[in-house]
Amino acid sequence: QWLAKRRQELLPVPYFHLVFTLPHALHVLIALRPRVIYEVLFAAGAHPTAHRMNPISPLIHLVDDDASVREALALLIGTVGLRVAPWADPQDFLARFDRDAVGAIVLDMRMPGLSGLALIDELRAQGVDQPVVMLTGHGSVDMCRRAFKAGAAEFLEKPVDDEALLGAVQAAVRTHLALRRQDAAGREARQRHALLSAREREVLALVIKGQTSKQIARALQLSPRTVETHRAHLQDKLQVQTLAQLVRQYAALVDEGAA
């Protein structure tokens, strides 16, 4: 209803003429100002500032002091199903953005108050893990080098190519998803490892070194049958079925404990 009313107010034609054919759709888009297009297309609930898209979809933080650039890029990024949170002030973004959300940050290089490079340095100092896509209207080899050295995932020049930006943002989201899955797996592994008894940890360390049950039994002055029992218990607690899984998931933790 809101959408129909908005179109009636803005278009120089009666609403009943708005049949959804390609020529009329083009007429609608041409007749509307860019800001109105932005409002109308997001009216169904996908307005980036409202965060009304699928709440589990990745969130893209868009930091740029130019309102027209923010609106245009938010509209573009929203077309691939990503939520967008636009920010005009980098300081405000740094103070209030959602650090826990899965997604990425699209960041303008030159902004008043805090430059893009200074902002990415601060993000990394705070341990923020969202990948950053840097944008600039005044690119140079040195600036590109500095951006990547600071930890940027991608560096694009304005006016940015639509496909290049979408590709960079989607790649950044995939990277962040993989990183979060890896972190979650690491936390789960630590929690399961903490369930082991002291003797089970000793057996685990020797198993990962490649020793057989008989060798472990001699080293720990146990019977081979007791070692086999400890191995069965630790495999059950660590939720692994094979030696390869055991080594892949827990070798690093065993090395940390031995250091």
C-alpha atoms as a PDB file:
ATOM      1  CA  GLN A   1       0.000   0.000   0.000  1.00  0.00           C
ATOM      2  CA  TRP A   2       2.781   2.397   0.824  1.00  0.00           C
ATOM      3  CA  LEU A   3       4.499   1.582  -2.435  1.00  0.00           C
ATOM      4  CA  ALA A   4       1.348   2.188  -4.459  1.00  0.00           C
ATOM      5  CA  LYS A   5       0.697   5.495  -2.691  1.00  0.00           C
ATOM      6  CA  ARG A   6       4.310   6.607  -3.136  1.00  0.00           C
ATOM      7  CA  ARG A   7       4.203   5.892  -6.844  1.00  0.00           C
ATOM      8  CA  GLN A   8       0.872   7.704  -7.231  1.00  0.00           C
ATOM      9  CA  GLU A   9       2.367  10.795  -5.594  1.00  0.00           C
ATOM     10  CA  LEU A  10       5.555  10.790  -7.642  1.00  0.00           C
ATOM     11  CA  LEU A  11       4.614   9.694 -11.129  1.00  0.00           C
ATOM     12  CA  PRO A  12       2.961  11.998 -13.689  1.00  0.00           C
ATOM     13  CA  VAL A  13       0.606   9.146 -14.738  1.00  0.00           C
ATOM     14  CA  PRO A  14      -2.352   7.477 -13.008  1.00  0.00           C
ATOM     15  CA  TYR A  15      -1.442   4.437 -10.942  1.00  0.00           C
ATOM     16  CA  PHE A  16      -3.631   2.103 -12.996  1.00  0.00           C
ATOM     17  CA  HIS A  17      -1.304   2.723 -15.958  1.00  0.00           C
ATOM     18  CA  LEU A  18       1.579   1.064 -14.077  1.00  0.00           C
ATOM     19  CA  VAL A  19       1.410  -2.364 -15.666  1.00  0.00           C
ATOM     20  CA  PHE A  20       4.570  -4.362 -15.088  1.00  0.00           C
ATOM     21  CA  THR A  21       6.020  -4.584 -18.563  1.00  0.00           C
ATOM     22  CA  LEU A  22       9.609  -3.726 -19.370  1.00  0.00           C
ATOM     23  CA  PRO A  23       8.823  -0.455 -21.251  1.00  0.00           C
ATOM     24  CA  HIS A  24       6.695   0.826 -18.390  1.00  0.00           C
ATOM     25  CA  ALA A  25       9.277  -0.265 -15.813  1.00  0.00           C
ATOM     26  CA  LEU A  26      11.921   1.734 -17.671  1.00  0.00           C
ATOM     27  CA  HIS A  27       9.541   4.707 -17.789  1.00  0.00           C
ATOM     28  CA  VAL A  28       9.062   4.464 -14.032  1.00  0.00           C
ATOM     29  CA  LEU A  29      12.791   4.422 -13.343  1.00  0.00           C
ATOM     30  CA  ILE A  30      13.476   7.320 -15.681  1.00  0.00           C
ATOM     31  CA  ALA A  31      10.667   9.406 -14.202  1.00  0.00           C
ATOM     32  CA  LEU A  32      11.859   8.995 -10.622  1.00  0.00           C
ATOM     33  CA  ARG A  33      14.788  10.875  -9.131  1.00  0.00           C
ATOM     34  CA  PRO A  34      17.680   8.681  -7.863  1.00  0.00           C
ATOM     35  CA  ARG A  35      16.771   9.301  -4.227  1.00  0.00           C
ATOM     36  CA  VAL A  36      13.163   8.286  -4.883  1.00  0.00           C
ATOM     37  CA  ILE A  37      14.275   5.132  -6.719  1.00  0.00           C
ATOM     38  CA  TYR A  38      16.330   4.277  -3.665  1.00  0.00           C
ATOM     39  CA  GLU A  39      13.319   4.768  -1.369  1.00  0.00           C
ATOM     40  CA  VAL A  40      10.860   2.902  -3.571  1.00  0.00           C
ATOM     41  CA  LEU A  41      13.047  -0.139  -4.192  1.00  0.00           C
ATOM     42  CA  PHE A  42      13.783  -0.539  -0.484  1.00  0.00           C
ATOM     43  CA  ALA A  43      10.197   0.207   0.595  1.00  0.00           C
ATOM     44  CA  ALA A  44       9.261  -3.461   0.874  1.00  0.00           C
ATOM     45  CA  GLY A  45      11.507  -3.818   3.900  1.00  0.00           C
ATOM     46  CA  ALA A  46      15.049  -3.985   2.562  1.00  0.00           C
ATOM     47  CA  HIS A  47      16.097  -0.456   3.407  1.00  0.00           C
ATOM     48  CA  PRO A  48      19.713  -0.829   4.545  1.00  0.00           C
ATOM     49  CA  THR A  49      19.387   1.354   7.603  1.00  0.00           C
ATOM     50  CA  ALA A  50      16.359  -0.617   8.749  1.00  0.00           C
ATOM     51  CA  HIS A  51      18.131  -4.015   8.504  1.00  0.00           C
ATOM     52  CA  ARG A  52      14.840  -5.637   7.492  1.00  0.00           C
ATOM     53  CA  MET A  53      16.272  -8.135   5.064  1.00  0.00           C
ATOM     54  CA  ASN A  54      16.889 -11.704   6.160  1.00  0.00           C
ATOM     55  CA  PRO A  55      18.511 -11.199   9.601  1.00  0.00           C
ATOM     56  CA  ILE A  56      20.922 -14.088   8.994  1.00  0.00           C
ATOM     57  CA  SER A  57      22.185 -12.703   5.682  1.00  0.00           C
ATOM     58  CA  PRO A  58      25.690 -11.166   5.805  1.00  0.00           C
ATOM     59  CA  LEU A  59      25.916  -7.490   6.769  1.00  0.00           C
ATOM     60  CA  ILE A  60      27.980  -5.040   4.727  1.00  0.00           C
ATOM     61  CA  HIS A  61      29.067  -1.866   6.518  1.00  0.00           C
ATOM     62  CA  LEU A  62      29.400   0.934   3.951  1.00  0.00           C
ATOM     63  CA  VAL A  63      31.479   3.871   5.190  1.00  0.00           C
ATOM     64  CA  ASP A  64      31.588   6.927   2.896  1.00  0.00           C
ATOM     65  CA  ASP A  65      31.006  10.615   3.618  1.00  0.00           C
ATOM     66  CA  ASP A  66      29.363  11.165   0.199  1.00  0.00           C
ATOM     67  CA  ALA A  67      25.601  10.593   0.542  1.00  0.00           C
ATOM     68  CA  SER A  68      25.040   9.943  -3.161  1.00  0.00           C
ATOM     69  CA  VAL A  69      27.801   7.318  -3.215  1.00  0.00           C
ATOM     70  CA  ARG A  70      26.384   5.624  -0.114  1.00  0.00           C
ATOM     71  CA  GLU A  71      22.914   5.444  -1.610  1.00  0.00           C
ATOM     72  CA  ALA A  72      24.095   4.160  -4.974  1.00  0.00           C
ATOM     73  CA  LEU A  73      26.395   1.501  -3.512  1.00  0.00           C
ATOM     74  CA  ALA A  74      23.827   0.418  -0.920  1.00  0.00           C
ATOM     75  CA  LEU A  75      21.308  -0.083  -3.704  1.00  0.00           C
ATOM     76  CA  LEU A  76      23.824  -2.073  -5.760  1.00  0.00           C
ATOM     77  CA  ILE A  77      24.984  -4.318  -2.901  1.00  0.00           C
ATOM     78  CA  GLY A  78      21.393  -4.950  -1.844  1.00  0.00           C
ATOM     79  CA  THR A  79      20.624  -6.471  -5.248  1.00  0.00           C
ATOM     80  CA  VAL A  80      22.614  -9.621  -4.346  1.00  0.00           C
ATOM     81  CA  GLY A  81      20.716 -10.198  -1.098  1.00  0.00           C
ATOM     82  CA  LEU A  82      23.197  -8.645   1.317  1.00  0.00           C
ATOM     83  CA  ARG A  83      22.144  -6.350   4.143  1.00  0.00           C
ATOM     84  CA  VAL A  84      23.764  -2.912   4.087  1.00  0.00           C
ATOM     85  CA  ALA A  85      24.458  -0.534   6.973  1.00  0.00           C
ATOM     86  CA  PRO A  86      25.528   2.877   5.583  1.00  0.00           C
ATOM     87  CA  TRP A  87      27.708   5.185   7.674  1.00  0.00           C
ATOM     88  CA  ALA A  88      28.577   8.814   6.924  1.00  0.00           C
ATOM     89  CA  ASP A  89      30.948   9.361   9.848  1.00  0.00           C
ATOM     90  CA  PRO A  90      33.887   6.954  10.309  1.00  0.00           C
ATOM     91  CA  GLN A  91      34.138   7.824  14.002  1.00  0.00           C
ATOM     92  CA  ASP A  92      30.464   7.005  14.507  1.00  0.00           C
ATOM     93  CA  PHE A  93      30.948   3.738  12.623  1.00  0.00           C
ATOM     94  CA  LEU A  94      33.942   2.792  14.749  1.00  0.00           C
ATOM     95  CA  ALA A  95      32.013   3.453  17.950  1.00  0.00           C
ATOM     96  CA  ARG A  96      28.768   1.676  17.097  1.00  0.00           C
ATOM     97  CA  PHE A  97      29.063  -0.932  14.335  1.00  0.00           C
ATOM     98  CA  ASP A  98      28.220  -4.593  14.936  1.00  0.00           C
ATOM     99  CA  ARG A  99      31.530  -6.415  15.359  1.00  0.00           C
ATOM    100  CA  ASP A 100      29.865  -9.811  15.735  1.00  0.00           C
ATOM    101  CA  ALA A 101      28.001  -9.811  12.420  1.00  0.00           C
ATOM    102  CA  VAL A 102      29.264 -11.912   9.531  1.00  0.00           C
ATOM    103  CA  GLY A 103      30.024  -9.767   6.497  1.00  0.00           C
ATOM    104  CA  ALA A 104      32.489  -7.164   5.303  1.00  0.00           C
ATOM    105  CA  ILE A 105      33.332  -3.460   5.388  1.00  0.00           C
ATOM    106  CA  VAL A 106      33.386  -1.217   2.316  1.00  0.00           C
ATOM    107  CA  LEU A 107      35.477   1.822   3.166  1.00  0.00           C
ATOM    108  CA  ASP A 108      36.304   5.064   1.373  1.00  0.00           C
ATOM    109  CA  MET A 109      39.978   5.988   1.487  1.00  0.00           C
ATOM    110  CA  ARG A 110      39.574   9.732   1.940  1.00  0.00           C
ATOM    111  CA  MET A 111      37.137  10.987   4.557  1.00  0.00           C
ATOM    112  CA  PRO A 112      37.201  13.993   6.862  1.00  0.00           C
ATOM    113  CA  GLY A 113      38.299  13.379  10.433  1.00  0.00           C
ATOM    114  CA  LEU A 114      39.624   9.856   9.984  1.00  0.00           C
ATOM    115  CA  SER A 115      41.124   8.495   6.779  1.00  0.00           C
ATOM    116  CA  GLY A 116      40.372   5.052   5.468  1.00  0.00           C
ATOM    117  CA  LEU A 117      43.916   3.879   6.210  1.00  0.00           C
ATOM    118  CA  ALA A 118      43.759   5.186   9.769  1.00  0.00           C
ATOM    119  CA  LEU A 119      40.381   3.510  10.237  1.00  0.00           C
ATOM    120  CA  ILE A 120      41.556   0.117   8.978  1.00  0.00           C
ATOM    121  CA  ASP A 121      44.592   0.369  11.292  1.00  0.00           C
ATOM    122  CA  GLU A 122      42.248   0.987  14.216  1.00  0.00           C
ATOM    123  CA  LEU A 123      39.999  -1.907  13.195  1.00  0.00           C
ATOM    124  CA  ARG A 124      42.921  -4.302  13.119  1.00  0.00           C
ATOM    125  CA  ALA A 125      44.233  -2.970  16.457  1.00  0.00           C
ATOM    126  CA  GLN A 126      40.830  -3.761  17.979  1.00  0.00           C
ATOM    127  CA  GLY A 127      40.867  -7.292  16.572  1.00  0.00           C
ATOM    128  CA  VAL A 128      38.022  -6.748  14.099  1.00  0.00           C
ATOM    129  CA  ASP A 129      38.037  -9.665  11.659  1.00  0.00           C
ATOM    130  CA  GLN A 130      35.626  -8.447   8.952  1.00  0.00           C
ATOM    131  CA  PRO A 131      37.485  -8.099   5.619  1.00  0.00           C
ATOM    132  CA  VAL A 132      37.775  -4.547   4.266  1.00  0.00           C
ATOM    133  CA  VAL A 133      37.238  -3.459   0.661  1.00  0.00           C
ATOM    134  CA  MET A 134      38.872  -0.052   0.107  1.00  0.00           C
ATOM    135  CA  LEU A 135      37.537   2.507  -2.377  1.00  0.00           C
ATOM    136  CA  THR A 136      39.278   5.639  -3.618  1.00  0.00           C
ATOM    137  CA  GLY A 137      38.757   8.305  -6.237  1.00  0.00           C
ATOM    138  CA  HIS A 138      42.468   9.141  -6.319  1.00  0.00           C
ATOM    139  CA  GLY A 139      44.274   5.836  -6.605  1.00  0.00           C
ATOM    140  CA  SER A 140      48.017   5.364  -6.947  1.00  0.00           C
ATOM    141  CA  VAL A 141      50.421   2.452  -6.760  1.00  0.00           C
ATOM    142  CA  ASP A 142      51.718   3.677  -3.413  1.00  0.00           C
ATOM    143  CA  MET A 143      48.210   4.071  -1.989  1.00  0.00           C
ATOM    144  CA  CYS A 144      47.278   0.603  -3.208  1.00  0.00           C
ATOM    145  CA  ARG A 145      50.400  -0.845  -1.604  1.00  0.00           C
ATOM    146  CA  ARG A 146      49.659   0.903   1.689  1.00  0.00           C
ATOM    147  CA  ALA A 147      46.069  -0.349   1.681  1.00  0.00           C
ATOM    148  CA  PHE A 148      47.077  -3.983   1.200  1.00  0.00           C
ATOM    149  CA  LYS A 149      49.851  -3.635   3.774  1.00  0.00           C
ATOM    150  CA  ALA A 150      47.241  -2.343   6.239  1.00  0.00           C
ATOM    151  CA  GLY A 151      45.195  -5.481   5.662  1.00  0.00           C
ATOM    152  CA  ALA A 152      42.659  -4.532   2.970  1.00  0.00           C
ATOM    153  CA  ALA A 153      41.118  -7.488   1.140  1.00  0.00           C
ATOM    154  CA  GLU A 154      40.629  -5.472  -2.054  1.00  0.00           C
ATOM    155  CA  PHE A 155      41.403  -2.000  -3.429  1.00  0.00           C
ATOM    156  CA  LEU A 156      39.102  -0.465  -6.064  1.00  0.00           C
ATOM    157  CA  GLU A 157      39.108   2.915  -7.804  1.00  0.00           C
ATOM    158  CA  LYS A 158      36.053   5.151  -8.221  1.00  0.00           C
ATOM    159  CA  PRO A 159      33.943   5.230 -10.259  1.00  0.00           C
ATOM    160  CA  VAL A 160      33.876   1.604  -9.288  1.00  0.00           C
ATOM    161  CA  ASP A 161      32.733  -1.057 -11.737  1.00  0.00           C
ATOM    162  CA  ASP A 162      29.530  -2.689 -10.474  1.00  0.00           C
ATOM    163  CA  GLU A 163      30.643  -6.243 -11.155  1.00  0.00           C
ATOM    164  CA  ALA A 164      34.079  -5.623  -9.670  1.00  0.00           C
ATOM    165  CA  LEU A 165      32.582  -4.274  -6.456  1.00  0.00           C
ATOM    166  CA  LEU A 166      30.023  -7.051  -6.116  1.00  0.00           C
ATOM    167  CA  GLY A 167      32.701  -9.647  -6.793  1.00  0.00           C
ATOM    168  CA  ALA A 168      35.014  -8.124  -4.190  1.00  0.00           C
ATOM    169  CA  VAL A 169      32.265  -7.864  -1.568  1.00  0.00           C
ATOM    170  CA  GLN A 170      31.034 -11.409  -2.121  1.00  0.00           C
ATOM    171  CA  ALA A 171      34.593 -12.761  -1.989  1.00  0.00           C
ATOM    172  CA  ALA A 172      35.147 -10.859   1.282  1.00  0.00           C
ATOM    173  CA  VAL A 173      31.965 -12.365   2.732  1.00  0.00           C
ATOM    174  CA  ARG A 174      33.063 -15.884   1.758  1.00  0.00           C
ATOM    175  CA  THR A 175      36.436 -15.260   3.394  1.00  0.00           C
ATOM    176  CA  HIS A 176      34.785 -14.052   6.581  1.00  0.00           C
ATOM    177  CA  LEU A 177      32.379 -16.989   6.687  1.00  0.00           C
ATOM    178  CA  ALA A 178      35.301 -19.423   6.338  1.00  0.00           C
ATOM    179  CA  LEU A 179      37.228 -17.586   9.069  1.00  0.00           C
ATOM    180  CA  ARG A 180      34.273 -17.668  11.457  1.00  0.00           C
ATOM    181  CA  ARG A 181      33.712 -21.385  10.786  1.00  0.00           C
ATOM    182  CA  GLN A 182      37.385 -22.024  11.469  1.00  0.00           C
ATOM    183  CA  ASP A 183      37.246 -20.037  14.699  1.00  0.00           C
ATOM    184  CA  ALA A 184      34.102 -21.876  15.807  1.00  0.00           C
ATOM    185  CA  ALA A 185      35.714 -25.245  15.059  1.00  0.00           C
ATOM    186  CA  GLY A 186      38.780 -24.206  17.052  1.00  0.00           C
ATOM    187  CA  ARG A 187      36.673 -23.222  20.047  1.00  0.00           C
ATOM    188  CA  GLU A 188      34.767 -26.503  19.926  1.00  0.00           C
ATOM    189  CA  ALA A 189      38.018 -28.457  19.707  1.00  0.00           C
ATOM    190  CA  ARG A 190      39.388 -26.663  22.773  1.00  0.00           C
ATOM    191  CA  GLN A 191      36.195 -27.350  24.713  1.00  0.00           C
ATOM    192  CA  ARG A 192      36.323 -31.068  23.871  1.00  0.00           C
ATOM    193  CA  HIS A 193      40.066 -31.245  24.603  1.00  0.00           C
ATOM    194  CA  ALA A 194      39.408 -29.772  28.041  1.00  0.00           C
ATOM    195  CA  LEU A 195      37.231 -32.816  28.844  1.00  0.00           C
ATOM    196  CA  LEU A 196      40.223 -35.176  28.689  1.00  0.00           C
ATOM    197  CA  SER A 197      41.819 -36.498  31.833  1.00  0.00           C
ATOM    198  CA  ALA A 198      45.534 -35.966  32.453  1.00  0.00           C
ATOM    199  CA  ARG A 199      46.291 -39.571  31.430  1.00  0.00           C
ATOM    200  CA  GLU A 200      44.190 -39.262  28.265  1.00  0.00           C
ATOM    201  CA  ARG A 201      46.144 -36.157  27.293  1.00  0.00           C
ATOM    202  CA  GLU A 202      49.393 -38.053  27.733  1.00  0.00           C
ATOM    203  CA  VAL A 203      48.113 -40.850  25.520  1.00  0.00           C
ATOM    204  CA  LEU A 204      46.845 -38.334  22.942  1.00  0.00           C
ATOM    205  CA  ALA A 205      50.237 -36.622  22.729  1.00  0.00           C
ATOM    206  CA  LEU A 206      51.984 -39.911  22.046  1.00  0.00           C
ATOM    207  CA  VAL A 207      49.340 -41.037  19.539  1.00  0.00           C
ATOM    208  CA  ILE A 208      49.830 -37.823  17.585  1.00  0.00           C
ATOM    209  CA  LYS A 209      53.589 -38.446  17.604  1.00  0.00           C
ATOM    210  CA  GLY A 210      52.858 -41.688  15.754  1.00  0.00           C
ATOM    211  CA  GLN A 211      53.504 -44.196  18.528  1.00  0.00           C
ATOM    212  CA  THR A 212      51.656 -47.509  18.668  1.00  0.00           C
ATOM    213  CA  SER A 213      49.663 -48.674  21.638  1.00  0.00           C
ATOM    214  CA  LYS A 214      52.512 -51.005  22.689  1.00  0.00           C
ATOM    215  CA  GLN A 215      55.049 -48.169  22.509  1.00  0.00           C
ATOM    216  CA  ILE A 216      52.730 -45.891  24.510  1.00  0.00           C
ATOM    217  CA  ALA A 217      52.226 -48.643  27.074  1.00  0.00           C
ATOM    218  CA  ARG A 218      55.985 -48.957  27.599  1.00  0.00           C
ATOM    219  CA  ALA A 219      56.469 -45.186  27.778  1.00  0.00           C
ATOM    220  CA  LEU A 220      53.685 -44.713  30.364  1.00  0.00           C
ATOM    221  CA  GLN A 221      54.221 -48.045  32.130  1.00  0.00           C
ATOM    222  CA  LEU A 222      50.720 -49.225  31.347  1.00  0.00           C
ATOM    223  CA  SER A 223      49.327 -52.359  29.790  1.00  0.00           C
ATOM    224  CA  PRO A 224      48.494 -52.205  26.057  1.00  0.00           C
ATOM    225  CA  ARG A 225      44.880 -52.975  26.917  1.00  0.00           C
ATOM    226  CA  THR A 226      44.719 -49.965  29.262  1.00  0.00           C
ATOM    227  CA  VAL A 227      46.179 -47.779  26.524  1.00  0.00           C
ATOM    228  CA  GLU A 228      43.540 -49.032  24.096  1.00  0.00           C
ATOM    229  CA  THR A 229      40.855 -48.147  26.644  1.00  0.00           C
ATOM    230  CA  HIS A 230      42.260 -44.616  27.024  1.00  0.00           C
ATOM    231  CA  ARG A 231      42.411 -44.266  23.232  1.00  0.00           C
ATOM    232  CA  ALA A 232      38.763 -45.296  22.895  1.00  0.00           C
ATOM    233  CA  HIS A 233      37.698 -42.871  25.617  1.00  0.00           C
ATOM    234  CA  LEU A 234      39.620 -39.907  24.194  1.00  0.00           C
ATOM    235  CA  GLN A 235      38.347 -40.570  20.673  1.00  0.00           C
ATOM    236  CA  ASP A 236      34.813 -40.596  22.028  1.00  0.00           C
ATOM    237  CA  LYS A 237      35.312 -37.341  23.951  1.00  0.00           C
ATOM    238  CA  LEU A 238      37.010 -35.626  21.002  1.00  0.00           C
ATOM    239  CA  GLN A 239      34.372 -36.918  18.557  1.00  0.00           C
ATOM    240  CA  VAL A 240      36.798 -38.365  16.016  1.00  0.00           C
ATOM    241  CA  GLN A 241      36.697 -41.718  14.262  1.00  0.00           C
ATOM    242  CA  THR A 242      40.086 -41.882  12.547  1.00  0.00           C
ATOM    243  CA  LEU A 243      43.709 -41.141  13.327  1.00  0.00           C
ATOM    244  CA  ALA A 244      43.773 -38.621  10.466  1.00  0.00           C
ATOM    245  CA  GLN A 245      40.920 -36.637  12.042  1.00  0.00           C
ATOM    246  CA  LEU A 246      42.655 -36.777  15.411  1.00  0.00           C
ATOM    247  CA  VAL A 247      45.900 -35.366  14.038  1.00  0.00           C
ATOM    248  CA  ARG A 248      44.243 -32.752  11.846  1.00  0.00           C
ATOM    249  CA  GLN A 249      41.997 -31.347  14.567  1.00  0.00           C
ATOM    250  CA  TYR A 250      44.121 -31.700  17.705  1.00  0.00           C
ATOM    251  CA  ALA A 251      47.833 -31.719  16.792  1.00  0.00           C
ATOM    252  CA  ALA A 252      48.056 -27.929  17.189  1.00  0.00           C
ATOM    253  CA  LEU A 253      46.442 -28.052  20.640  1.00  0.00           C
ATOM    254  CA  VAL A 254      48.827 -30.789  21.757  1.00  0.00           C
ATOM    255  CA  ASP A 255      51.788 -28.738  20.502  1.00  0.00           C
ATOM    256  CA  GLU A 256      50.502 -25.693  22.416  1.00  0.00           C
ATOM    257  CA  GLY A 257      50.310 -27.745  25.607  1.00  0.00           C
ATOM    258  CA  ALA A 258      53.855 -29.044  25.128  1.00  0.00           C
ATOM    259  CA  ALA A 259      55.326 -25.580  24.502  1.00  0.00           C
END
